[in-house]
C-alpha atoms as a PDB file:
ATOM      1  CA  MET A   1      21.234  -5.149   7.302  1.00  0.00           C
ATOM      2  CA  GLN A   2      20.924  -6.664   3.667  1.00  0.00           C
ATOM      3  CA  VAL A   3      20.106  -4.537   1.044  1.00  0.00           C
ATOM      4  CA  LEU A   4      18.281  -5.296  -1.827  1.00  0.00           C
ATOM      5  CA  PRO A   5      18.310  -2.524  -5.011  1.00  0.00           C
ATOM      6  CA  PHE A   6      15.954  -2.323  -7.935  1.00  0.00           C
ATOM      7  CA  SER A   7      16.141  -0.562 -11.356  1.00  0.00           C
ATOM      8  CA  TYR A   8      13.388   1.432 -12.855  1.00  0.00           C
ATOM      9  CA  ASN A   9      12.536  -1.475 -15.359  1.00  0.00           C
ATOM     10  CA  GLU A  10      12.414  -4.293 -12.441  1.00  0.00           C
ATOM     11  CA  ILE A  11       9.967  -1.492 -10.213  1.00  0.00           C
ATOM     12  CA  HIS A  12       8.333  -0.396 -14.001  1.00  0.00           C
ATOM     13  CA  SER A  13       7.316  -4.418 -14.788  1.00  0.00           C
ATOM     14  CA  THR A  14       5.995  -4.879 -11.354  1.00  0.00           C
ATOM     15  CA  LEU A  15       3.861  -2.196 -11.357  1.00  0.00           C
ATOM     16  CA  LYS A  16       2.473  -2.956 -14.622  1.00  0.00           C
ATOM     17  CA  ASP A  17       1.534  -6.516 -13.699  1.00  0.00           C
ATOM     18  CA  LEU A  18       0.310  -4.691 -10.007  1.00  0.00           C
ATOM     19  CA  ALA A  19      -2.288  -1.770 -12.523  1.00  0.00           C
ATOM     20  CA  LEU A  20      -3.274  -4.708 -14.175  1.00  0.00           C
ATOM     21  CA  ARG A  21      -4.219  -6.882 -11.410  1.00  0.00           C
ATOM     22  CA  VAL A  22      -5.751  -4.566  -9.662  1.00  0.00           C
ATOM     23  CA  ARG A  23      -7.687  -3.904 -12.758  1.00  0.00           C
ATOM     24  CA  ASP A  24      -8.500  -7.225 -13.363  1.00  0.00           C
ATOM     25  CA  SER A  25      -9.829  -7.673 -10.465  1.00  0.00           C
ATOM     26  CA  GLY A  26     -13.058  -5.548 -10.979  1.00  0.00           C
ATOM     27  CA  PHE A  27     -12.107  -3.310  -8.116  1.00  0.00           C
ATOM     28  CA  ASP A  28     -11.939  -0.395 -10.822  1.00  0.00           C
ATOM     29  CA  PRO A  29     -10.764   3.000  -8.847  1.00  0.00           C
ATOM     30  CA  GLU A  30     -11.283   6.420  -9.663  1.00  0.00           C
ATOM     31  CA  VAL A  31      -8.998   8.016  -8.078  1.00  0.00           C
ATOM     32  CA  ILE A  32      -5.368   7.082  -6.643  1.00  0.00           C
ATOM     33  CA  VAL A  33      -3.840   8.288  -2.846  1.00  0.00           C
ATOM     34  CA  ALA A  34       0.010   8.402  -2.939  1.00  0.00           C
ATOM     35  CA  ILE A  35       1.238   8.200  -0.331  1.00  0.00           C
ATOM     36  CA  GLY A  36       4.571  10.536  -0.504  1.00  0.00           C
ATOM     37  CA  SER A  37       7.550  10.531  -0.510  1.00  0.00           C
ATOM     38  CA  GLY A  38       8.117   7.176  -1.406  1.00  0.00           C
ATOM     39  CA  GLY A  39       4.500   6.390  -3.229  1.00  0.00           C
ATOM     40  CA  PHE A  40       4.699   9.153  -5.665  1.00  0.00           C
ATOM     41  CA  ILE A  41       6.618   7.783  -8.573  1.00  0.00           C
ATOM     42  CA  PRO A  42       4.772   3.744  -8.009  1.00  0.00           C
ATOM     43  CA  ALA A  43       1.502   5.667  -7.904  1.00  0.00           C
ATOM     44  CA  ARG A  44       2.712   7.973 -11.059  1.00  0.00           C
ATOM     45  CA  ILE A  45       3.377   4.514 -13.043  1.00  0.00           C
ATOM     46  CA  MET A  46       0.165   2.770 -12.032  1.00  0.00           C
ATOM     47  CA  LYS A  47      -1.527   6.010 -13.571  1.00  0.00           C
ATOM     48  CA  THR A  48      -0.434   4.761 -16.812  1.00  0.00           C
ATOM     49  CA  PHE A  49      -2.019   1.705 -16.628  1.00  0.00           C
ATOM     50  CA  LEU A  50      -5.566   2.660 -14.561  1.00  0.00           C
ATOM     51  CA  GLU A  51      -5.606   6.374 -16.389  1.00  0.00           C
ATOM     52  CA  VAL A  52      -7.407   7.333 -13.277  1.00  0.00           C
ATOM     53  CA  PRO A  53      -6.292  11.055 -11.676  1.00  0.00           C
ATOM     54  CA  ILE A  54      -3.347  10.813  -8.388  1.00  0.00           C
ATOM     55  CA  TYR A  55      -3.794  12.459  -5.345  1.00  0.00           C
ATOM     56  CA  THR A  56      -0.523  12.924  -2.658  1.00  0.00           C
ATOM     57  CA  VAL A  57      -0.723  12.837   0.594  1.00  0.00           C
ATOM     58  CA  GLY A  58       2.661  13.166   2.630  1.00  0.00           C
ATOM     59  CA  ILE A  59       3.017  10.972   6.249  1.00  0.00           C
ATOM     60  CA  ALA A  60       5.723  11.176   7.989  1.00  0.00           C
ATOM     61  CA  LEU A  61       7.127   8.419  10.115  1.00  0.00           C
ATOM     62  CA  TYR A  62      11.329   7.681   9.759  1.00  0.00           C
ATOM     63  CA  LEU A  63      13.120  11.030  10.994  1.00  0.00           C
ATOM     64  CA  PRO A  64      16.525  12.243   8.557  1.00  0.00           C
ATOM     65  CA  ASP A  65      18.717  10.138  10.573  1.00  0.00           C
ATOM     66  CA  HIS A  66      16.206   6.644   9.613  1.00  0.00           C
ATOM     67  CA  SER A  67      15.457   6.463  12.902  1.00  0.00           C
ATOM     68  CA  THR A  68      11.531   6.267  13.715  1.00  0.00           C
ATOM     69  CA  LEU A  69       9.081   8.662  15.183  1.00  0.00           C
ATOM     70  CA  PRO A  70       6.503   7.016  17.854  1.00  0.00           C
ATOM     71  CA  SER A  71       3.189   7.634  15.244  1.00  0.00           C
ATOM     72  CA  PRO A  72       2.811   8.430  11.754  1.00  0.00           C
ATOM     73  CA  ARG A  73       2.187  12.015  11.295  1.00  0.00           C
ATOM     74  CA  LYS A  74      -0.036  14.157   8.649  1.00  0.00           C
ATOM     75  CA  ILE A  75       2.539  16.600   6.534  1.00  0.00           C
ATOM     76  CA  GLN A  76       0.780  17.141   3.336  1.00  0.00           C
ATOM     77  CA  TRP A  77      -3.050  16.136   3.197  1.00  0.00           C
ATOM     78  CA  ILE A  78      -6.173  16.740  -0.053  1.00  0.00           C
ATOM     79  CA  ASP A  79      -7.517  20.137  -0.506  1.00  0.00           C
ATOM     80  CA  GLU A  80     -11.304  19.293  -0.357  1.00  0.00           C
ATOM     81  CA  VAL A  81     -10.979  16.052   0.651  1.00  0.00           C
ATOM     82  CA  GLU A  82     -14.500  15.281   1.295  1.00  0.00           C
ATOM     83  CA  GLN A  83     -15.077  16.664  -2.917  1.00  0.00           C
ATOM     84  CA  LYS A  84     -12.731  14.126  -4.320  1.00  0.00           C
ATOM     85  CA  LEU A  85     -12.753  10.846  -1.928  1.00  0.00           C
ATOM     86  CA  GLU A  86     -16.406  10.824  -0.825  1.00  0.00           C
ATOM     87  CA  GLY A  87     -18.124   7.840  -2.554  1.00  0.00           C
ATOM     88  CA  ARG A  88     -16.030   7.460  -5.335  1.00  0.00           C
ATOM     89  CA  ARG A  89     -13.399   4.066  -4.901  1.00  0.00           C
ATOM     90  CA  VAL A  90      -9.900   4.818  -3.668  1.00  0.00           C
ATOM     91  CA  LEU A  91      -6.461   3.345  -5.024  1.00  0.00           C
ATOM     92  CA  LEU A  92      -4.003   3.851  -2.152  1.00  0.00           C
ATOM     93  CA  VAL A  93      -0.334   3.381  -3.102  1.00  0.00           C
ATOM     94  CA  ASP A  94       2.579   3.347  -1.409  1.00  0.00           C
ATOM     95  CA  GLU A  95       6.016   1.758  -2.416  1.00  0.00           C
ATOM     96  CA  VAL A  96       6.710  -1.095   0.666  1.00  0.00           C
ATOM     97  CA  ASP A  97       4.564  -2.216   3.335  1.00  0.00           C
ATOM     98  CA  ASP A  98       7.183  -2.808   5.884  1.00  0.00           C
ATOM     99  CA  SER A  99       5.749  -2.182   9.547  1.00  0.00           C
ATOM    100  CA  ARG A 100       2.554  -1.230   8.053  1.00  0.00           C
ATOM    101  CA  THR A 101       2.312   1.674  10.589  1.00  0.00           C
ATOM    102  CA  THR A 102       2.105   4.204   8.110  1.00  0.00           C
ATOM    103  CA  LEU A 103      -0.879   2.060   5.707  1.00  0.00           C
ATOM    104  CA  GLU A 104      -2.769   1.953   8.600  1.00  0.00           C
ATOM    105  CA  TYR A 105      -2.669   5.668   9.435  1.00  0.00           C
ATOM    106  CA  CYS A 106      -3.792   6.793   6.465  1.00  0.00           C
ATOM    107  CA  ILE A 107      -6.498   4.295   5.681  1.00  0.00           C
ATOM    108  CA  ARG A 108      -7.839   4.981   8.807  1.00  0.00           C
ATOM    109  CA  GLU A 109      -7.276   9.029   7.777  1.00  0.00           C
ATOM    110  CA  LEU A 110      -8.987   7.913   4.557  1.00  0.00           C
ATOM    111  CA  LEU A 111     -11.762   6.196   5.612  1.00  0.00           C
ATOM    112  CA  ALA A 112     -12.872   8.999   7.621  1.00  0.00           C
ATOM    113  CA  HIS A 113     -13.479  10.863   4.412  1.00  0.00           C
ATOM    114  CA  ARG A 114     -16.429   7.969   3.005  1.00  0.00           C
ATOM    115  CA  PRO A 115     -14.950   6.156  -0.103  1.00  0.00           C
ATOM    116  CA  ASP A 116     -17.307   3.749  -2.100  1.00  0.00           C
ATOM    117  CA  SER A 117     -14.563   1.460  -1.003  1.00  0.00           C
ATOM    118  CA  LEU A 118     -10.527   1.801  -0.447  1.00  0.00           C
ATOM    119  CA  GLY A 119      -7.633  -0.530  -2.106  1.00  0.00           C
ATOM    120  CA  VAL A 120      -4.461  -0.261  -1.453  1.00  0.00           C
ATOM    121  CA  ALA A 121      -1.756  -1.500  -3.825  1.00  0.00           C
ATOM    122  CA  VAL A 122       2.187  -1.463  -2.907  1.00  0.00           C
ATOM    123  CA  LEU A 123       5.156  -2.143  -4.839  1.00  0.00           C
ATOM    124  CA  HIS A 124       6.965  -4.288  -2.398  1.00  0.00           C
ATOM    125  CA  ASN A 125       5.721  -6.275   0.646  1.00  0.00           C
ATOM    126  CA  LYS A 126       7.907  -7.111   3.431  1.00  0.00           C
ATOM    127  CA  GLN A 127       7.401 -10.373   4.545  1.00  0.00           C
ATOM    128  CA  LYS A 128       7.737  -9.810   8.396  1.00  0.00           C
ATOM    129  CA  GLU A 129       5.194  -9.398  11.124  1.00  0.00           C
ATOM    130  CA  LYS A 130       3.810  -6.278  11.055  1.00  0.00           C
ATOM    131  CA  ARG A 131       3.088  -3.803  13.669  1.00  0.00           C
ATOM    132  CA  GLY A 132      -0.283  -2.311  12.000  1.00  0.00           C
ATOM    133  CA  ALA A 133      -3.178  -3.921  10.469  1.00  0.00           C
ATOM    134  CA  ILE A 134      -5.257  -3.501   7.859  1.00  0.00           C
ATOM    135  CA  PRO A 135      -8.461  -2.729   8.710  1.00  0.00           C
ATOM    136  CA  SER A 136     -11.426  -4.967   7.610  1.00  0.00           C
ATOM    137  CA  GLU A 137     -12.997  -2.186   5.818  1.00  0.00           C
ATOM    138  CA  VAL A 138     -10.458  -2.220   3.420  1.00  0.00           C
ATOM    139  CA  ALA A 139     -12.136  -3.715  -0.197  1.00  0.00           C
ATOM    140  CA  ALA A 140      -8.673  -5.451  -1.332  1.00  0.00           C
ATOM    141  CA  TYR A 141      -4.833  -5.703  -0.487  1.00  0.00           C
ATOM    142  CA  TRP A 142      -2.395  -5.949  -3.788  1.00  0.00           C
ATOM    143  CA  ALA A 143       1.411  -6.225  -3.042  1.00  0.00           C
ATOM    144  CA  GLY A 144       3.800  -6.348  -6.525  1.00  0.00           C
ATOM    145  CA  GLU A 145       6.203  -8.277  -4.920  1.00  0.00           C
ATOM    146  CA  ASP A 146       7.148  -9.665  -1.725  1.00  0.00           C
ATOM    147  CA  ILE A 147      10.292  -9.879  -0.499  1.00  0.00           C
ATOM    148  CA  PRO A 148      12.505 -10.522   2.300  1.00  0.00           C
ATOM    149  CA  ASP A 149      12.570  -7.886   5.404  1.00  0.00           C
ATOM    150  CA  VAL A 150      15.700  -6.354   3.809  1.00  0.00           C
ATOM    151  CA  TRP A 151      16.406  -1.890   2.701  1.00  0.00           C
ATOM    152  CA  VAL A 152      15.757  -1.776   0.567  1.00  0.00           C
ATOM    153  CA  ARG A 153      17.031   0.648  -1.987  1.00  0.00           C
ATOM    154  CA  TYR A 154      14.938   1.989  -4.401  1.00  0.00           C
ATOM    155  CA  PRO A 155      16.338   4.410  -7.459  1.00  0.00           C
ATOM    156  CA  TRP A 156      14.967   7.223  -6.890  1.00  0.00           C
ATOM    157  CA  ASP A 157      16.472   7.762  -3.376  1.00  0.00           C
ATOM    158  CA  ALA A 158      19.846   7.510  -5.341  1.00  0.00           C
ATOM    159  CA  HIS A 159      22.933   9.686  -5.249  1.00  0.00           C
ATOM    160  CA  ASP A 160      24.616   8.357  -8.136  1.00  0.00           C
ATOM    161  CA  ILE A 161      22.644   6.496 -10.138  1.00  0.00           C
ATOM    162  CA  GLN A 162      24.857   5.075 -11.945  1.00  0.00           C
ATOM    163  CA  GLU A 163      26.589   3.714  -8.775  1.00  0.00           C
ATOM    164  CA  HIS A 164      22.610   1.993  -7.812  1.00  0.00           C
ATOM    165  CA  ASP A 165      22.380   0.839 -11.796  1.00  0.00           C
ATOM    166  CA  GLY A 166      25.587  -1.008 -10.694  1.00  0.00           C
ATOM    167  CA  GLN A 167      24.564  -2.478  -7.046  1.00  0.00           C
ATOM    168  CA  VAL A 168      20.910  -3.792  -9.258  1.00  0.00           C
ATOM    169  CA  ARG A 169      23.479  -5.262 -12.102  1.00  0.00           C
ATOM    170  CA  LEU A 170      25.441  -7.143  -9.249  1.00  0.00           C
ATOM    171  CA  LYS A 171      22.399  -8.066  -7.519  1.00  0.00           C
ATOM    172  CA  ALA A 172      21.441  -9.481 -11.172  1.00  0.00           C
ATOM    173  CA  SER A 173      24.764 -11.594 -12.237  1.00  0.00           C
ATOM    174  CA  ALA A 174      24.506 -13.099  -8.411  1.00  0.00           C
ATOM    175  CA  ALA A 175      21.576 -14.588  -9.213  1.00  0.00           C
ATOM    176  CA  GLY A 176      22.165 -15.726 -12.362  1.00  0.00           C
ATOM    177  CA  GLN A 177      20.154 -13.302 -14.547  1.00  0.00           C
END
């Protein structure tokens, strides 16, 4: 499978634009919920621009060998969730919308806690058929960037950041940048 590496600078720029699109839409989130672990860094960058608190949840879909579980499962959830989410405008953030099963699962769990409204923002949306669906109760969905269905390599997953940055430079060189 083709691999698509992204640099921290590319990610930061995409997330800045995404946060401004969310803000300019009038959605005006009161809190961000980050899906861990991939959504932690994108949510933290968006917090810089949206200036709202972050809560985190852990949802497992992939096993260490990159195979998938039959369905997502909670591994970490928000303490006192009702007091933190009920009646509030919540922005759910993740790094990639791949199969959409994790997003759908997390959205349904969050909706059970009666937020005033729920928006979803992802750094990257893979352009492919999805197994999951965005429930109609979701106020808005934003993707920082639509990408092909390839394996995405993020800098926070790199064991060797210099090697990762070299792959990013090769990508830019191949694209004539």
